[in-house]
Amino acid sequence: CSLVCRARSCAVPLSTLAANSMDLVPSRDLVGYGRSPPSPRWPGGKRVAVQFVINYEEGGENCLMNGDGQSEHLLSEIVGATPYAGQRHMNMESIYEYGSRAGFWRLHRLFTSRRLPVTVFAVGRALELNPEAAKAMFAEDDWEIASHGYRWIDYQNVDEATEREHIRKAIAVHETYGKRPLGIYQGKPNSRTRDLVVEEGGFLYDSDAYNDDLPYWRRPEPRESSETTTTKPPHLIVPYTLCNNDMRFVSAQGFNAGTQFFEFLKDAFDVIRAEGKMMSVGLHCRVVAQPGRFKALEKFVDYVNAFDDAWICTRLDIARHWYATHPPPGTSSAAAAAAAAA
């Protein structure tokens, strides 16, 4: 039997998937803006939007002390680690602790010393476990603290009620510091996650997508077989990146030196700037804030900051700009901008 035949024999029949409508919604969009993407019209005539994200996750990962059944195994110096079922992984816990104890403060000093805005994807449980770091984030007027879920876990097989409750709990943690999150990046979502985000009603955008270099609108789709339309308004997606991301330091065939990280980011910036689009840069406190990697980030931040036509901003800044300049169909720019600013 050929490889093609074997692949076909292993495929799940469409009729089986159709029995569970959740598996077929949302539909995929393989076209997007196509050959003619819109001009983003960045503020002040800027050529490119650059957005730095600090992922603050330490303490929210899998750990028996969080009531989980296994240890964490992802995004650490132990590449290829496997979870310990029913046991703590002391090395893994210590690696994560570096991010909250030392790494965050190194990143905080970098961006505050240059007075540059960032977005923090903050896990609710991680904020609870380090109030000093949380207060420092929320004290910065030009920082955006977006939700990264209540836990840094895989939500693929988490039931709907639990995920809905986690979204609510994450918002509640943020609100203890005076600001609810207006953006969300669950990070490891399932096919229901975006519906739950829209259902909550207070988010201006989500970033659980990697499929474009510009924001775009997506209209929620009906899930029940009895529904043919939905009255839910279009929802804004501000795509993120796993490419311009320090996670590649701790993944197979990723960066093994800061020089590679810098050159990769520089090339990406030069291409995106030439096209006039949006560049996201993903950072983790336990990864890029290690001393041997940090210098490359510092060098790249200064490289970008030297361009007068680069708009260094938050993801919320980008979302509000898109509401104002590229409103969803049927909505005026003024009405969309007013809704985003409320």
Protein backbone atom coordinates (compact mmCIF):
# COMPACT_ATOMS: atom_id res chain seq x y z
CA CYS A 1 0.00 0.00 0.00
CA SER A 2 1.31 3.44 -0.88
CA LEU A 3 1.99 6.16 1.65
CA VAL A 4 -0.91 8.14 0.17
CA CYS A 5 -3.26 5.20 0.66
CA ARG A 6 -2.15 4.70 4.26
CA ALA A 7 -2.65 8.41 4.97
CA ARG A 8 -6.14 8.26 3.53
CA SER A 9 -7.05 5.20 5.56
CA CYS A 10 -6.07 7.03 8.76
CA ALA A 11 -8.12 10.11 7.98
CA VAL A 12 -11.22 10.80 10.11
CA PRO A 13 -14.33 10.64 7.89
CA LEU A 14 -16.07 13.96 7.47
CA SER A 15 -19.33 12.34 8.53
CA THR A 16 -17.76 11.50 11.89
CA LEU A 17 -16.58 15.05 12.37
CA ALA A 18 -19.97 16.40 11.36
CA ALA A 19 -21.51 14.54 14.25
CA ASN A 20 -19.76 16.98 16.52
CA SER A 21 -20.28 20.46 15.06
CA MET A 22 -17.55 21.84 17.33
CA ASP A 23 -14.98 20.08 15.14
CA LEU A 24 -16.08 22.02 12.05
CA VAL A 25 -16.44 25.49 13.56
CA PRO A 26 -14.82 27.88 13.08
CA SER A 27 -14.18 27.40 9.38
CA ARG A 28 -10.70 28.09 8.02
CA ASP A 29 -9.77 31.17 5.97
CA LEU A 30 -6.89 30.40 3.66
CA VAL A 31 -7.32 33.58 1.61
CA GLY A 32 -7.20 36.52 4.00
CA TYR A 33 -6.35 39.84 2.39
CA GLY A 34 -4.84 38.11 -0.64
CA ARG A 35 -2.63 40.01 -3.03
CA SER A 36 -4.01 43.42 -2.05
CA PRO A 37 -3.77 43.95 1.74
CA PRO A 38 -5.09 47.27 2.99
CA SER A 39 -2.83 50.14 3.89
CA PRO A 40 -2.70 50.11 7.69
CA ARG A 41 -2.37 53.92 7.80
CA TRP A 42 -0.30 53.80 10.97
CA PRO A 43 -0.55 56.93 13.16
CA GLY A 44 1.62 59.92 12.34
CA GLY A 45 2.58 58.53 8.97
CA LYS A 46 4.69 55.78 10.57
CA ARG A 47 5.90 53.06 8.25
CA VAL A 48 5.78 50.04 10.54
CA ALA A 49 4.20 49.02 13.84
CA VAL A 50 6.41 47.07 16.23
CA GLN A 51 4.94 45.37 19.27
CA PHE A 52 6.96 43.73 22.05
CA VAL A 53 5.16 41.15 24.20
CA ILE A 54 6.40 40.00 27.61
CA ASN A 55 4.79 36.67 28.43
CA TYR A 56 4.43 36.52 32.22
CA GLU A 57 3.63 32.87 32.96
CA GLU A 58 5.82 31.76 35.85
CA GLY A 59 3.73 30.15 38.58
CA GLY A 60 0.78 29.48 36.28
CA GLU A 61 2.33 26.43 34.61
CA ASN A 62 1.55 22.79 35.38
CA CYS A 63 2.62 21.97 38.93
CA LEU A 64 1.30 19.72 41.66
CA MET A 65 1.17 22.77 43.93
CA ASN A 66 -1.45 24.21 41.56
CA GLY A 67 -3.53 21.05 41.89
CA ASP A 68 -2.35 19.59 38.58
CA GLY A 69 -1.68 15.91 38.01
CA GLN A 70 1.72 16.38 36.42
CA SER A 71 4.73 18.67 36.18
CA GLU A 72 5.39 21.20 33.41
CA HIS A 73 7.42 20.12 30.37
CA LEU A 74 7.28 23.00 27.87
CA LEU A 75 9.42 26.05 27.10
CA SER A 76 12.35 25.49 29.41
CA GLU A 77 16.08 24.87 29.21
CA ILE A 78 15.32 21.13 29.36
CA VAL A 79 14.42 20.72 25.68
CA GLY A 80 12.39 17.58 25.14
CA ALA A 81 11.39 17.22 28.79
CA THR A 82 8.50 14.94 29.63
CA PRO A 83 5.95 15.59 32.37
CA TYR A 84 6.24 13.71 35.66
CA ALA A 85 2.83 12.25 36.43
CA GLY A 86 1.89 12.76 40.07
CA GLN A 87 5.29 14.18 40.95
CA ARG A 88 7.02 17.54 41.17
CA HIS A 89 9.87 18.36 38.79
CA MET A 90 12.19 20.43 40.97
CA ASN A 91 14.52 21.50 38.17
CA MET A 92 11.60 22.63 36.01
CA GLU A 93 10.10 24.62 38.86
CA SER A 94 13.42 26.33 39.49
CA ILE A 95 13.87 27.21 35.82
CA TYR A 96 10.47 28.89 35.80
CA GLU A 97 11.22 30.71 39.04
CA TYR A 98 14.17 32.44 37.36
CA GLY A 99 11.66 34.25 35.17
CA SER A 100 9.66 35.75 38.01
CA ARG A 101 12.58 36.36 40.39
CA ALA A 102 15.14 37.86 38.00
CA GLY A 103 14.10 37.76 34.35
CA PHE A 104 11.03 39.96 34.63
CA TRP A 105 12.95 42.72 36.36
CA ARG A 106 15.67 42.67 33.69
CA LEU A 107 13.01 43.15 30.99
CA HIS A 108 11.24 45.78 33.10
CA ARG A 109 14.45 47.80 33.37
CA LEU A 110 15.09 47.51 29.63
CA PHE A 111 11.75 48.92 28.51
CA THR A 112 11.20 51.46 31.28
CA SER A 113 14.71 52.90 30.92
CA ARG A 114 13.93 53.59 27.25
CA ARG A 115 10.35 54.64 27.99
CA LEU A 116 8.98 52.14 25.51
CA PRO A 117 5.50 50.62 25.69
CA VAL A 118 4.99 46.86 25.82
CA THR A 119 2.11 44.44 26.14
CA VAL A 120 2.30 41.87 28.90
CA PHE A 121 0.48 38.60 28.31
CA ALA A 122 -0.12 37.97 32.01
CA VAL A 123 -1.34 34.65 33.39
CA GLY A 124 -3.77 35.27 36.25
CA ARG A 125 -2.28 32.69 38.61
CA ALA A 126 1.22 34.05 37.98
CA LEU A 127 0.07 37.54 38.95
CA GLU A 128 -1.45 36.18 42.15
CA LEU A 129 1.85 34.57 43.14
CA ASN A 130 4.03 37.66 42.60
CA PRO A 131 2.16 40.83 43.63
CA GLU A 132 5.34 42.93 43.47
CA ALA A 133 5.84 42.18 39.77
CA ALA A 134 2.12 42.66 39.11
CA LYS A 135 2.12 46.08 40.74
CA ALA A 136 5.15 47.09 38.68
CA MET A 137 3.39 46.14 35.46
CA PHE A 138 0.15 47.93 36.22
CA ALA A 139 2.01 51.03 37.44
CA GLU A 140 3.38 51.71 33.95
CA ASP A 141 0.89 53.96 32.16
CA ASP A 142 2.16 53.04 28.70
CA TRP A 143 2.12 49.28 29.31
CA GLU A 144 -0.85 47.11 28.40
CA ILE A 145 -1.57 44.13 30.65
CA ALA A 146 -3.53 41.67 28.52
CA SER A 147 -4.94 38.35 29.70
CA HIS A 148 -2.97 35.18 29.09
CA GLY A 149 -5.66 33.08 30.72
CA TYR A 150 -5.86 32.14 34.36
CA ARG A 151 -3.48 29.21 33.95
CA TRP A 152 -0.65 28.49 31.52
CA ILE A 153 -2.02 25.10 30.52
CA ASP A 154 -3.29 23.48 27.35
CA TYR A 155 -7.00 24.20 27.01
CA GLN A 156 -7.51 21.76 24.13
CA ASN A 157 -9.40 19.25 26.28
CA VAL A 158 -10.58 21.52 29.09
CA ASP A 159 -14.36 21.55 29.32
CA GLU A 160 -16.28 24.66 28.33
CA ALA A 161 -17.51 25.52 31.82
CA THR A 162 -14.00 25.38 33.29
CA GLU A 163 -12.49 27.46 30.51
CA ARG A 164 -15.25 30.05 30.85
CA GLU A 165 -14.57 30.21 34.59
CA HIS A 166 -10.83 30.59 34.00
CA ILE A 167 -11.43 33.51 31.65
CA ARG A 168 -13.56 35.13 34.35
CA LYS A 169 -11.02 34.46 37.10
CA ALA A 170 -8.20 35.96 35.03
CA ILE A 171 -10.23 39.14 34.54
CA ALA A 172 -10.93 39.30 38.27
CA VAL A 173 -7.21 39.11 39.09
CA HIS A 174 -6.50 42.01 36.73
CA GLU A 175 -9.32 44.03 38.24
CA THR A 176 -7.72 43.85 41.69
CA TYR A 177 -5.08 46.18 40.20
CA GLY A 178 -7.68 48.57 38.83
CA LYS A 179 -7.77 47.57 35.15
CA ARG A 180 -9.61 44.78 33.40
CA PRO A 181 -7.80 43.32 30.36
CA LEU A 182 -9.03 44.45 26.94
CA GLY A 183 -6.99 41.92 24.99
CA ILE A 184 -6.50 38.21 25.48
CA TYR A 185 -4.09 35.54 24.32
CA GLN A 186 -5.12 32.19 25.75
CA GLY A 187 -2.03 30.66 24.14
CA LYS A 188 -3.18 27.06 23.91
CA PRO A 189 -6.81 27.43 22.83
CA ASN A 190 -9.41 25.06 21.46
CA SER A 191 -12.08 25.58 18.83
CA ARG A 192 -14.48 27.09 21.42
CA THR A 193 -12.07 29.58 22.97
CA ARG A 194 -12.80 32.53 20.69
CA ASP A 195 -16.55 32.08 21.15
CA LEU A 196 -16.06 32.24 24.92
CA VAL A 197 -13.94 35.39 24.55
CA VAL A 198 -16.63 37.07 22.44
CA GLU A 199 -19.34 35.85 24.80
CA GLU A 200 -17.59 37.51 27.75
CA GLY A 201 -18.15 40.82 26.00
CA GLY A 202 -15.35 43.00 27.31
CA PHE A 203 -12.41 42.15 25.08
CA LEU A 204 -11.54 44.39 22.13
CA TYR A 205 -9.34 41.76 20.50
CA ASP A 206 -7.66 38.40 20.86
CA SER A 207 -4.27 37.24 19.60
CA ASP A 208 -4.78 33.48 19.31
CA ALA A 209 -3.75 33.52 15.64
CA TYR A 210 -0.51 33.50 13.67
CA ASN A 211 -1.89 33.82 10.17
CA ASP A 212 -1.23 37.41 9.09
CA ASP A 213 0.97 40.48 9.46
CA LEU A 214 -2.05 42.77 9.88
CA PRO A 215 -5.12 42.75 12.14
CA TYR A 216 -8.36 41.48 10.66
CA TRP A 217 -12.02 41.08 11.56
CA ARG A 218 -13.68 37.71 12.03
CA ARG A 219 -17.41 37.21 12.42
CA PRO A 220 -18.35 34.46 14.91
CA GLU A 221 -20.07 31.49 13.29
CA PRO A 222 -23.14 29.61 14.53
CA ARG A 223 -22.29 26.40 16.35
CA GLU A 224 -25.63 24.69 16.76
CA SER A 225 -26.98 22.78 13.75
CA SER A 226 -30.28 24.62 14.17
CA GLU A 227 -28.59 27.99 13.68
CA THR A 228 -27.93 29.46 10.24
CA THR A 229 -26.81 32.94 11.28
CA THR A 230 -25.41 34.67 14.31
CA THR A 231 -26.08 38.14 15.65
CA LYS A 232 -22.68 38.41 17.28
CA PRO A 233 -20.66 41.36 15.96
CA PRO A 234 -17.36 40.92 14.12
CA HIS A 235 -14.42 40.33 16.42
CA LEU A 236 -10.92 41.78 15.93
CA ILE A 237 -7.90 39.51 15.69
CA VAL A 238 -4.43 40.99 16.24
CA PRO A 239 -2.20 38.09 15.16
CA TYR A 240 0.76 37.05 17.29
CA THR A 241 3.92 35.17 16.33
CA LEU A 242 5.74 31.97 17.19
CA CYS A 243 8.41 32.95 14.69
CA ASN A 244 9.81 36.25 16.02
CA ASN A 245 9.78 34.62 19.41
CA ASP A 246 12.46 33.75 21.97
CA MET A 247 10.80 30.35 22.47
CA ARG A 248 13.03 29.21 19.61
CA PHE A 249 15.95 29.34 22.04
CA VAL A 250 14.39 26.40 23.88
CA SER A 251 13.02 24.36 21.00
CA ALA A 252 14.66 21.91 18.63
CA GLN A 253 16.54 23.53 15.74
CA GLY A 254 15.95 26.98 17.19
CA PHE A 255 18.38 29.76 18.07
CA ASN A 256 21.50 28.64 19.90
CA ALA A 257 23.08 32.09 20.27
CA GLY A 258 21.95 35.66 20.77
CA THR A 259 23.53 36.68 17.47
CA GLN A 260 21.10 34.39 15.61
CA PHE A 261 18.17 35.91 17.47
CA PHE A 262 19.25 39.46 16.64
CA GLU A 263 19.89 38.75 12.96
CA PHE A 264 16.56 36.94 12.62
CA LEU A 265 14.62 39.80 14.22
CA LYS A 266 16.53 42.41 12.23
CA ASP A 267 15.77 40.68 8.93
CA ALA A 268 12.10 40.34 9.89
CA PHE A 269 11.89 44.00 10.84
CA ASP A 270 13.53 45.12 7.60
CA VAL A 271 11.06 43.09 5.51
CA ILE A 272 7.99 44.17 7.50
CA ARG A 273 9.10 47.81 7.44
CA ALA A 274 9.50 47.67 3.65
CA GLU A 275 5.95 46.27 3.40
CA GLY A 276 4.54 48.71 5.95
CA LYS A 277 2.93 46.08 8.16
CA MET A 278 3.00 44.95 11.81
CA MET A 279 5.73 43.05 13.63
CA SER A 280 5.21 41.21 16.90
CA VAL A 281 8.12 40.06 19.07
CA GLY A 282 7.41 37.41 21.72
CA LEU A 283 9.51 37.40 24.89
CA HIS A 284 9.55 35.18 27.99
CA CYS A 285 11.02 36.19 31.33
CA ARG A 286 12.72 32.81 31.86
CA VAL A 287 14.11 32.64 28.32
CA VAL A 288 15.39 35.83 26.68
CA ALA A 289 16.13 37.49 30.03
CA GLN A 290 18.93 35.01 30.63
CA PRO A 291 22.15 37.10 30.50
CA GLY A 292 23.63 35.31 27.50
CA ARG A 293 20.54 36.09 25.40
CA PHE A 294 19.51 39.44 26.81
CA LYS A 295 22.19 41.46 25.04
CA ALA A 296 20.76 40.49 21.65
CA LEU A 297 17.32 41.72 22.66
CA GLU A 298 18.75 44.96 23.97
CA LYS A 299 20.59 45.44 20.68
CA PHE A 300 17.44 44.81 18.64
CA VAL A 301 15.32 47.17 20.75
CA ASP A 302 17.86 49.94 20.15
CA TYR A 303 18.04 49.10 16.44
CA VAL A 304 14.27 49.51 16.02
CA ASN A 305 14.09 52.54 18.27
CA ALA A 306 16.53 54.38 16.00
CA PHE A 307 14.00 54.43 13.13
CA ASP A 308 11.82 57.54 13.18
CA ASP A 309 9.16 55.80 11.11
CA ALA A 310 8.77 52.84 13.49
CA TRP A 311 5.73 52.98 15.78
CA ILE A 312 6.59 51.01 18.93
CA CYS A 313 3.25 50.45 20.60
CA THR A 314 1.00 48.04 22.50
CA ARG A 315 -1.39 45.58 20.97
CA LEU A 316 -4.23 47.62 22.41
CA ASP A 317 -2.88 50.66 20.54
CA ILE A 318 -2.98 48.65 17.33
CA ALA A 319 -6.49 47.38 18.05
CA ARG A 320 -7.85 50.85 18.74
CA HIS A 321 -6.16 52.16 15.61
CA TRP A 322 -7.79 49.40 13.56
CA TYR A 323 -11.21 50.13 15.02
CA ALA A 324 -10.78 53.78 14.00
CA THR A 325 -9.29 53.31 10.54
CA HIS A 326 -10.56 49.90 9.42
CA PRO A 327 -13.91 49.40 11.19
CA PRO A 328 -15.91 46.21 10.71
CA PRO A 329 -18.38 46.16 7.82
CA GLY A 330 -21.47 48.22 8.52
CA THR A 331 -19.85 50.32 11.23
CA SER A 332 -18.55 53.86 10.83
CA SER A 333 -14.99 54.68 11.82
CA ALA A 334 -16.23 57.15 14.41
CA ALA A 335 -18.61 54.65 15.99
CA ALA A 336 -16.00 51.91 16.06
CA ALA A 337 -13.36 54.20 17.53
CA ALA A 338 -15.77 55.40 20.20
CA ALA A 339 -16.62 51.81 21.15
CA ALA A 340 -12.93 50.90 21.39
CA ALA A 341 -12.14 53.90 23.55
CA ALA A 342 -15.02 53.31 25.98
